[in-house]
């Protein structure tokens, strides 16, 4: 929906239309409604399984990690989930400060490479977000390593 309605009233990540707090918390499941036609690619059996049993799987993973070691559950699961939710919020709110997409070096550092959001809006289907030499793009590095089979 973000790509189909980018920077309009239908964009679920537009602080200009939705408000900063609503956009910051949109990935937390608090304010999200996804049009059914936008989910066509998500109707494979594995995605359906994860959707249907989401909470059971999440709680099971947390319990499993806790049984191994409570610190593993805290540092290996809970903190990473919290960091991811805040990372999504930062991307959606900081990189749309005045209602228009902007690149943000701060957001890029805090979200491990997702701060070049204006670049993303200009070419939303391109997986390389960093366009200039100084725009560090860890995602592109990973894709290159996978394609070159250097992992």
C-alpha atoms as a PDB file:
ATOM      1  CA  UNK A   1       0.000   0.000   0.000  1.00  0.00           C
ATOM      2  CA  UNK A   2       2.913   2.320   0.731  1.00  0.00           C
ATOM      3  CA  UNK A   3       4.227   1.903  -2.804  1.00  0.00           C
ATOM      4  CA  UNK A   4       0.792   2.061  -4.449  1.00  0.00           C
ATOM      5  CA  UNK A   5      -0.279   5.220  -2.567  1.00  0.00           C
ATOM      6  CA  UNK A   6       3.104   6.764  -1.749  1.00  0.00           C
ATOM      7  CA  UNK A   7       2.820  10.246  -0.179  1.00  0.00           C
ATOM      8  CA  UNK A   8      -0.975  10.408  -0.511  1.00  0.00           C
ATOM      9  CA  UNK A   9      -3.897   9.959   1.894  1.00  0.00           C
ATOM     10  CA  UNK A  10      -3.859   6.186   1.224  1.00  0.00           C
ATOM     11  CA  UNK A  11      -0.208   5.795   2.251  1.00  0.00           C
ATOM     12  CA  UNK A  12      -0.140   4.029   5.654  1.00  0.00           C
ATOM     13  CA  UNK A  13       3.322   5.523   6.347  1.00  0.00           C
ATOM     14  CA  UNK A  14       2.621   9.205   5.642  1.00  0.00           C
ATOM     15  CA  UNK A  15       2.907  11.401   8.762  1.00  0.00           C
ATOM     16  CA  UNK A  16       1.524  14.276   6.696  1.00  0.00           C
ATOM     17  CA  UNK A  17      -1.856  12.522   6.512  1.00  0.00           C
ATOM     18  CA  UNK A  18      -1.809  10.006   9.372  1.00  0.00           C
ATOM     19  CA  UNK A  19       0.050  11.915  12.086  1.00  0.00           C
ATOM     20  CA  UNK A  20       3.493  11.254  13.531  1.00  0.00           C
ATOM     21  CA  UNK A  21       2.458   8.933  16.398  1.00  0.00           C
ATOM     22  CA  UNK A  22       0.154   6.808  14.258  1.00  0.00           C
ATOM     23  CA  UNK A  23       2.894   6.348  11.677  1.00  0.00           C
ATOM     24  CA  UNK A  24       5.521   5.620  14.337  1.00  0.00           C
ATOM     25  CA  UNK A  25       3.356   2.840  15.808  1.00  0.00           C
ATOM     26  CA  UNK A  26       1.853   1.504  12.549  1.00  0.00           C
ATOM     27  CA  UNK A  27       4.117  -1.564  12.433  1.00  0.00           C
ATOM     28  CA  UNK A  28       3.058  -2.516  15.961  1.00  0.00           C
ATOM     29  CA  UNK A  29      -0.329  -3.648  14.627  1.00  0.00           C
ATOM     30  CA  UNK A  30      -2.168  -0.837  16.382  1.00  0.00           C
ATOM     31  CA  UNK A  31      -3.416   1.082  13.354  1.00  0.00           C
ATOM     32  CA  UNK A  32      -2.887  -1.205  10.399  1.00  0.00           C
ATOM     33  CA  UNK A  33      -5.516  -2.157   7.843  1.00  0.00           C
ATOM     34  CA  UNK A  34      -4.230  -3.741   4.654  1.00  0.00           C
ATOM     35  CA  UNK A  35      -6.382  -3.906   1.548  1.00  0.00           C
ATOM     36  CA  UNK A  36      -6.968  -7.511   0.521  1.00  0.00           C
ATOM     37  CA  UNK A  37      -5.821  -6.877  -3.071  1.00  0.00           C
ATOM     38  CA  UNK A  38      -2.436  -5.763  -1.719  1.00  0.00           C
ATOM     39  CA  UNK A  39      -1.841  -9.179  -0.142  1.00  0.00           C
ATOM     40  CA  UNK A  40      -2.020 -11.346  -3.281  1.00  0.00           C
ATOM     41  CA  UNK A  41       1.634 -12.343  -2.989  1.00  0.00           C
ATOM     42  CA  UNK A  42       1.158 -13.401   0.621  1.00  0.00           C
ATOM     43  CA  UNK A  43      -1.281 -16.238  -0.042  1.00  0.00           C
ATOM     44  CA  UNK A  44       1.313 -18.983  -0.191  1.00  0.00           C
ATOM     45  CA  UNK A  45       0.968 -21.881   2.309  1.00  0.00           C
ATOM     46  CA  UNK A  46       3.901 -20.830   4.510  1.00  0.00           C
ATOM     47  CA  UNK A  47       2.658 -17.242   4.879  1.00  0.00           C
ATOM     48  CA  UNK A  48      -0.831 -18.518   5.699  1.00  0.00           C
ATOM     49  CA  UNK A  49       0.620 -20.836   8.344  1.00  0.00           C
ATOM     50  CA  UNK A  50       2.578 -18.002   9.992  1.00  0.00           C
ATOM     51  CA  UNK A  51      -0.434 -15.658   9.848  1.00  0.00           C
ATOM     52  CA  UNK A  52      -2.813 -18.226  11.320  1.00  0.00           C
ATOM     53  CA  UNK A  53      -0.461 -19.280  14.139  1.00  0.00           C
ATOM     54  CA  UNK A  54       1.462 -16.020  14.655  1.00  0.00           C
ATOM     55  CA  UNK A  55       0.942 -15.616  18.396  1.00  0.00           C
ATOM     56  CA  UNK A  56       1.441 -19.310  19.114  1.00  0.00           C
ATOM     57  CA  UNK A  57       4.739 -19.280  17.222  1.00  0.00           C
ATOM     58  CA  UNK A  58       5.973 -16.082  18.898  1.00  0.00           C
ATOM     59  CA  UNK A  59       5.106 -17.264  22.412  1.00  0.00           C
ATOM     60  CA  UNK A  60       6.582 -20.710  21.710  1.00  0.00           C
ATOM     61  CA  UNK A  61       9.844 -19.158  20.528  1.00  0.00           C
ATOM     62  CA  UNK A  62      10.033 -16.932  23.610  1.00  0.00           C
ATOM     63  CA  UNK A  63       9.346 -19.864  25.960  1.00  0.00           C
ATOM     64  CA  UNK A  64      11.837 -22.087  24.135  1.00  0.00           C
ATOM     65  CA  UNK A  65      14.592 -19.461  24.393  1.00  0.00           C
ATOM     66  CA  UNK A  66      13.692 -18.789  28.037  1.00  0.00           C
ATOM     67  CA  UNK A  67      13.996 -22.487  28.876  1.00  0.00           C
ATOM     68  CA  UNK A  68      17.466 -22.568  27.329  1.00  0.00           C
ATOM     69  CA  UNK A  69      18.517 -19.428  29.204  1.00  0.00           C
ATOM     70  CA  UNK A  70      16.403 -16.426  30.322  1.00  0.00           C
ATOM     71  CA  UNK A  71      19.108 -14.056  29.057  1.00  0.00           C
ATOM     72  CA  UNK A  72      18.861 -15.643  25.609  1.00  0.00           C
ATOM     73  CA  UNK A  73      15.164 -14.799  25.537  1.00  0.00           C
ATOM     74  CA  UNK A  74      15.851 -11.207  26.627  1.00  0.00           C
ATOM     75  CA  UNK A  75      18.857 -10.454  24.425  1.00  0.00           C
ATOM     76  CA  UNK A  76      18.198 -12.862  21.550  1.00  0.00           C
ATOM     77  CA  UNK A  77      14.511 -12.130  21.098  1.00  0.00           C
ATOM     78  CA  UNK A  78      12.871  -9.393  23.193  1.00  0.00           C
ATOM     79  CA  UNK A  79      15.414  -6.609  22.612  1.00  0.00           C
ATOM     80  CA  UNK A  80      15.659  -7.346  18.890  1.00  0.00           C
ATOM     81  CA  UNK A  81      11.861  -7.197  18.545  1.00  0.00           C
ATOM     82  CA  UNK A  82      11.722  -3.868  20.396  1.00  0.00           C
ATOM     83  CA  UNK A  83      14.588  -2.492  18.276  1.00  0.00           C
ATOM     84  CA  UNK A  84      12.849  -3.601  15.067  1.00  0.00           C
ATOM     85  CA  UNK A  85       9.535  -1.929  16.000  1.00  0.00           C
ATOM     86  CA  UNK A  86      11.293   1.319  16.878  1.00  0.00           C
ATOM     87  CA  UNK A  87      13.397   1.052  13.712  1.00  0.00           C
ATOM     88  CA  UNK A  88      10.263   0.810  11.556  1.00  0.00           C
ATOM     89  CA  UNK A  89       8.808   3.774  13.427  1.00  0.00           C
ATOM     90  CA  UNK A  90      11.951   5.827  12.879  1.00  0.00           C
ATOM     91  CA  UNK A  91      12.012   5.066   9.173  1.00  0.00           C
ATOM     92  CA  UNK A  92       8.359   5.954   8.720  1.00  0.00           C
ATOM     93  CA  UNK A  93       8.399   9.108  10.843  1.00  0.00           C
ATOM     94  CA  UNK A  94      11.893  10.660  10.619  1.00  0.00           C
ATOM     95  CA  UNK A  95      12.230  10.161   6.874  1.00  0.00           C
ATOM     96  CA  UNK A  96       8.911  11.962   6.223  1.00  0.00           C
ATOM     97  CA  UNK A  97       9.420  14.922   8.546  1.00  0.00           C
ATOM     98  CA  UNK A  98       7.647  17.593   6.488  1.00  0.00           C
ATOM     99  CA  UNK A  99       5.291  15.283   4.649  1.00  0.00           C
ATOM    100  CA  UNK A 100       7.821  14.635   1.908  1.00  0.00           C
ATOM    101  CA  UNK A 101      10.350  11.784   1.828  1.00  0.00           C
ATOM    102  CA  UNK A 102      13.849  12.781   2.893  1.00  0.00           C
ATOM    103  CA  UNK A 103      17.156  10.982   3.266  1.00  0.00           C
ATOM    104  CA  UNK A 104      18.376  10.826   6.860  1.00  0.00           C
ATOM    105  CA  UNK A 105      21.883   9.845   7.895  1.00  0.00           C
ATOM    106  CA  UNK A 106      20.686   9.523  11.513  1.00  0.00           C
ATOM    107  CA  UNK A 107      17.881   7.132  10.548  1.00  0.00           C
ATOM    108  CA  UNK A 108      20.339   5.236   8.353  1.00  0.00           C
ATOM    109  CA  UNK A 109      22.695   4.637  11.275  1.00  0.00           C
ATOM    110  CA  UNK A 110      19.896   3.747  13.714  1.00  0.00           C
ATOM    111  CA  UNK A 111      18.205   1.322  11.306  1.00  0.00           C
ATOM    112  CA  UNK A 112      21.277  -0.294   9.722  1.00  0.00           C
ATOM    113  CA  UNK A 113      20.853   1.210   6.278  1.00  0.00           C
ATOM    114  CA  UNK A 114      17.208   2.171   5.784  1.00  0.00           C
ATOM    115  CA  UNK A 115      17.625   5.941   6.116  1.00  0.00           C
ATOM    116  CA  UNK A 116      17.958   6.770   2.421  1.00  0.00           C
ATOM    117  CA  UNK A 117      14.199   6.945   2.143  1.00  0.00           C
ATOM    118  CA  UNK A 118      13.930   9.625  -0.542  1.00  0.00           C
ATOM    119  CA  UNK A 119      15.988   7.340  -2.773  1.00  0.00           C
ATOM    120  CA  UNK A 120      13.518   4.546  -1.952  1.00  0.00           C
ATOM    121  CA  UNK A 121      10.575   6.722  -3.018  1.00  0.00           C
ATOM    122  CA  UNK A 122      12.278   7.738  -6.249  1.00  0.00           C
ATOM    123  CA  UNK A 123      12.929   4.076  -7.205  1.00  0.00           C
ATOM    124  CA  UNK A 124      10.704   1.924  -4.987  1.00  0.00           C
ATOM    125  CA  UNK A 125      11.403  -1.295  -6.903  1.00  0.00           C
ATOM    126  CA  UNK A 126      15.185  -0.955  -6.674  1.00  0.00           C
ATOM    127  CA  UNK A 127      16.711  -2.953  -3.802  1.00  0.00           C
ATOM    128  CA  UNK A 128      19.743  -0.633  -3.658  1.00  0.00           C
ATOM    129  CA  UNK A 129      18.783   2.281  -1.417  1.00  0.00           C
ATOM    130  CA  UNK A 130      22.181   4.011  -1.262  1.00  0.00           C
ATOM    131  CA  UNK A 131      22.745   5.739  -4.606  1.00  0.00           C
ATOM    132  CA  UNK A 132      25.824   7.879  -3.968  1.00  0.00           C
ATOM    133  CA  UNK A 133      29.215   6.595  -2.756  1.00  0.00           C
ATOM    134  CA  UNK A 134      28.790   8.145   0.707  1.00  0.00           C
ATOM    135  CA  UNK A 135      25.322   6.589   1.215  1.00  0.00           C
ATOM    136  CA  UNK A 136      26.244   3.399   3.057  1.00  0.00           C
ATOM    137  CA  UNK A 137      23.829   0.593   2.174  1.00  0.00           C
ATOM    138  CA  UNK A 138      24.319  -2.607   4.227  1.00  0.00           C
ATOM    139  CA  UNK A 139      21.364  -4.274   2.481  1.00  0.00           C
ATOM    140  CA  UNK A 140      23.098  -3.979  -0.879  1.00  0.00           C
ATOM    141  CA  UNK A 141      26.245  -5.482   0.623  1.00  0.00           C
ATOM    142  CA  UNK A 142      24.266  -8.518   1.814  1.00  0.00           C
ATOM    143  CA  UNK A 143      22.574  -8.966  -1.560  1.00  0.00           C
ATOM    144  CA  UNK A 144      25.958  -8.824  -3.344  1.00  0.00           C
ATOM    145  CA  UNK A 145      27.404 -11.442  -0.962  1.00  0.00           C
ATOM    146  CA  UNK A 146      24.409 -13.740  -1.473  1.00  0.00           C
ATOM    147  CA  UNK A 147      24.543 -13.381  -5.271  1.00  0.00           C
ATOM    148  CA  UNK A 148      28.293 -14.024  -5.255  1.00  0.00           C
ATOM    149  CA  UNK A 149      27.803 -16.896  -2.809  1.00  0.00           C
ATOM    150  CA  UNK A 150      30.438 -15.506  -0.444  1.00  0.00           C
ATOM    151  CA  UNK A 151      28.529 -16.253   2.771  1.00  0.00           C
END
